[in-house]
Amino acid sequence: MIFFLFYFYVLYDVLKYFYYFYFIRYLYGGSFNLESKDMKFILNMLLISDSIGLTELVDVLQKYLIEKRKNQLNIQFSLIHQTCSEQQVFKELQVYCERTCQLTPDVIFKAYDFTTLDKDLLIYLLENKRRLRLYEIQKWDHLIKWGMAQTPSIPFTFSPTKSSYNTSLW
């Protein structure tokens, strides 16, 4: 028990106070409230739980995200997908991401962080014609937004004024 407490004392320097408080509350009380916490906080708790070997807490947090925070998972889908693909331990979140890609890919295009999607995933989503319920113009609009976000060095400023059109060819 003393080694365990010393281990958490050393981790206190690494972890922020917020995470440390929730880990201690979970270890001694078995539960904690995440209703007021944002998605990045919960993802950081997942990553830290995995790094210190709290597999039970990883499972609890994954179930909590999938059951209670499904809308936020969809809004920040790219962040969730990148985190899951980097960490092989997050099996339940990986299954959720795969099912979302296969069954409801149009939800991903509405995500807040859509422009940070991986190129291969975007191609997969666009090729899923049976499930993707977007008009062609919407697909192109999203594709252009994604391309503009991927190449920030190219200035994409266009304001259609009367002088910007070459009317001599009309």
Protein backbone atom coordinates (compact mmCIF):
# COMPACT_ATOMS: atom_id res chain seq x y z
CA MET A 1 0.00 0.00 0.00
CA ILE A 2 2.85 2.39 0.78
CA PHE A 3 4.43 1.74 -2.62
CA PHE A 4 1.08 2.42 -4.27
CA LEU A 5 0.73 5.78 -2.48
CA PHE A 6 4.33 6.69 -3.29
CA TYR A 7 3.67 5.83 -6.94
CA PHE A 8 0.75 8.27 -7.01
CA TYR A 9 2.80 10.89 -5.18
CA VAL A 10 5.40 10.72 -7.94
CA LEU A 11 2.67 10.83 -10.58
CA TYR A 12 1.25 13.94 -8.94
CA ASP A 13 4.18 15.90 -10.38
CA VAL A 14 3.40 14.56 -13.83
CA LEU A 15 -0.38 14.85 -13.69
CA LYS A 16 -2.29 18.03 -13.18
CA TYR A 17 -4.26 18.43 -9.99
CA PHE A 18 -7.56 17.89 -11.79
CA TYR A 19 -6.64 14.47 -13.12
CA TYR A 20 -4.98 13.42 -9.89
CA PHE A 21 -8.13 14.30 -7.91
CA TYR A 22 -10.32 12.20 -10.22
CA PHE A 23 -7.96 9.22 -10.14
CA ILE A 24 -7.83 9.23 -6.34
CA ARG A 25 -11.61 9.63 -6.15
CA TYR A 26 -12.06 6.67 -8.54
CA LEU A 27 -9.56 4.45 -6.71
CA TYR A 28 -11.00 5.05 -3.26
CA GLY A 29 -14.65 5.69 -4.04
CA GLY A 30 -15.18 3.72 -7.21
CA SER A 31 -16.94 6.54 -9.05
CA PHE A 32 -16.79 10.20 -10.03
CA ASN A 33 -18.85 12.73 -11.93
CA LEU A 34 -17.82 13.68 -15.47
CA GLU A 35 -20.96 15.57 -16.50
CA SER A 36 -19.31 18.98 -16.36
CA LYS A 37 -16.04 17.92 -18.01
CA ASP A 38 -15.28 18.47 -21.68
CA MET A 39 -14.19 15.88 -24.21
CA LYS A 40 -10.47 16.71 -24.06
CA PHE A 41 -10.45 16.22 -20.30
CA ILE A 42 -12.01 12.78 -20.64
CA LEU A 43 -9.64 11.82 -23.46
CA ASN A 44 -6.67 12.90 -21.36
CA MET A 45 -8.00 10.77 -18.50
CA LEU A 46 -8.26 7.85 -20.93
CA LEU A 47 -4.67 8.32 -22.08
CA ILE A 48 -3.31 8.69 -18.55
CA SER A 49 -5.34 5.70 -17.34
CA ASP A 50 -3.85 3.61 -20.10
CA SER A 51 -0.32 4.79 -19.38
CA ILE A 52 -0.50 3.89 -15.67
CA GLY A 53 -2.30 0.61 -16.31
CA LEU A 54 -5.81 1.28 -15.01
CA THR A 55 -7.58 -0.88 -17.58
CA GLU A 56 -10.82 -0.96 -15.60
CA LEU A 57 -10.99 2.84 -15.68
CA VAL A 58 -10.24 2.82 -19.42
CA ASP A 59 -13.24 0.54 -19.96
CA VAL A 60 -15.48 2.67 -17.74
CA LEU A 61 -14.50 5.87 -19.55
CA GLN A 62 -15.05 4.33 -22.99
CA LYS A 63 -18.51 3.09 -22.02
CA TYR A 64 -19.33 6.48 -20.55
CA LEU A 65 -18.34 8.26 -23.76
CA ILE A 66 -20.29 5.91 -26.01
CA GLU A 67 -23.43 5.76 -23.89
CA LYS A 68 -23.68 9.27 -22.47
CA ARG A 69 -21.65 11.52 -24.79
CA LYS A 70 -22.47 10.17 -28.25
CA ASN A 71 -23.32 13.63 -29.62
CA GLN A 72 -19.98 15.03 -28.49
CA LEU A 73 -18.19 12.02 -29.97
CA ASN A 74 -19.82 12.85 -33.29
CA ILE A 75 -18.98 16.55 -33.03
CA GLN A 76 -15.30 15.83 -32.36
CA PHE A 77 -15.06 12.68 -34.46
CA SER A 78 -11.65 13.37 -35.95
CA LEU A 79 -10.03 13.84 -32.55
CA ILE A 80 -11.61 10.61 -31.28
CA HIS A 81 -10.61 8.68 -34.40
CA GLN A 82 -7.00 9.88 -34.24
CA THR A 83 -6.74 9.03 -30.55
CA CYS A 84 -8.20 5.55 -31.11
CA SER A 85 -5.93 4.79 -34.04
CA GLU A 86 -2.86 5.75 -32.00
CA GLN A 87 -3.89 3.75 -28.92
CA GLN A 88 -4.78 0.13 -29.60
CA VAL A 89 -6.23 -0.30 -26.10
CA PHE A 90 -9.36 1.74 -26.85
CA LYS A 91 -11.21 -1.14 -28.51
CA GLU A 92 -14.73 0.05 -27.78
CA LEU A 93 -14.08 3.50 -29.19
CA GLN A 94 -12.44 1.94 -32.26
CA VAL A 95 -15.55 -0.17 -32.86
CA TYR A 96 -17.72 2.94 -32.43
CA CYS A 97 -15.64 4.86 -34.98
CA GLU A 98 -15.73 1.98 -37.47
CA ARG A 99 -19.51 1.62 -37.14
CA THR A 100 -20.01 5.34 -37.56
CA CYS A 101 -17.87 5.32 -40.71
CA GLN A 102 -19.77 2.38 -42.15
CA LEU A 103 -23.35 3.11 -41.11
CA THR A 104 -23.70 6.89 -40.75
CA PRO A 105 -20.83 8.63 -42.56
CA ASP A 106 -22.85 11.82 -43.08
CA VAL A 107 -22.53 12.49 -39.33
CA ILE A 108 -18.78 12.80 -39.74
CA PHE A 109 -19.12 15.53 -42.35
CA LYS A 110 -21.08 17.59 -39.80
CA ALA A 111 -18.34 17.24 -37.17
CA TYR A 112 -16.73 20.37 -35.80
CA ASP A 113 -13.24 19.07 -36.58
CA PHE A 114 -14.07 17.56 -39.97
CA THR A 115 -11.21 19.41 -41.68
CA THR A 116 -8.62 17.50 -39.63
CA LEU A 117 -9.71 14.07 -40.91
CA ASP A 118 -7.11 11.77 -42.34
CA LYS A 119 -6.93 11.65 -46.14
CA ASP A 120 -7.51 7.89 -46.34
CA LEU A 121 -10.55 8.10 -44.09
CA LEU A 122 -12.01 10.92 -46.16
CA ILE A 123 -11.59 8.87 -49.34
CA TYR A 124 -13.23 5.88 -47.65
CA LEU A 125 -16.17 8.03 -46.55
CA LEU A 126 -16.66 9.51 -50.01
CA GLU A 127 -16.56 6.05 -51.60
CA ASN A 128 -19.31 4.80 -49.27
CA LYS A 129 -22.04 5.89 -51.68
CA ARG A 130 -24.81 3.70 -50.30
CA ARG A 131 -24.72 5.15 -46.81
CA LEU A 132 -23.54 8.70 -47.51
CA ARG A 133 -26.65 10.83 -47.69
CA LEU A 134 -25.25 14.04 -49.14
CA TYR A 135 -25.89 15.76 -52.42
CA GLU A 136 -22.97 16.01 -54.81
CA ILE A 137 -22.66 19.75 -54.22
CA GLN A 138 -22.43 19.11 -50.46
CA LYS A 139 -19.71 16.52 -51.01
CA TRP A 140 -17.72 18.96 -53.12
CA ASP A 141 -18.26 21.74 -50.60
CA HIS A 142 -16.90 19.57 -47.78
CA LEU A 143 -14.03 18.38 -49.95
CA ILE A 144 -13.04 21.97 -50.76
CA LYS A 145 -13.22 22.97 -47.08
CA TRP A 146 -11.06 19.97 -46.17
CA GLY A 147 -8.52 20.81 -48.91
CA MET A 148 -8.34 24.44 -47.84
CA ALA A 149 -7.66 23.39 -44.25
CA GLN A 150 -4.97 20.92 -45.33
CA THR A 151 -3.05 23.54 -47.35
CA PRO A 152 -2.97 26.70 -45.23
CA SER A 153 0.01 28.09 -47.16
CA ILE A 154 -2.14 28.72 -50.23
CA PRO A 155 -4.27 31.83 -49.81
CA PHE A 156 -7.89 31.09 -50.67
CA THR A 157 -9.41 34.52 -50.78
CA PHE A 158 -11.98 35.17 -53.42
CA SER A 159 -14.53 37.89 -53.28
CA PRO A 160 -16.76 38.02 -56.33
CA THR A 161 -16.79 41.68 -57.23
CA LYS A 162 -17.69 43.16 -60.55
CA SER A 163 -14.05 43.84 -61.42
CA SER A 164 -12.94 40.25 -60.73
CA TYR A 165 -14.83 38.86 -63.70
CA ASN A 166 -13.34 39.14 -67.17
CA THR A 167 -16.33 40.49 -69.06
CA SER A 168 -14.42 41.12 -72.29
CA LEU A 169 -15.07 37.54 -73.40
CA TRP A 170 -18.86 37.92 -73.06
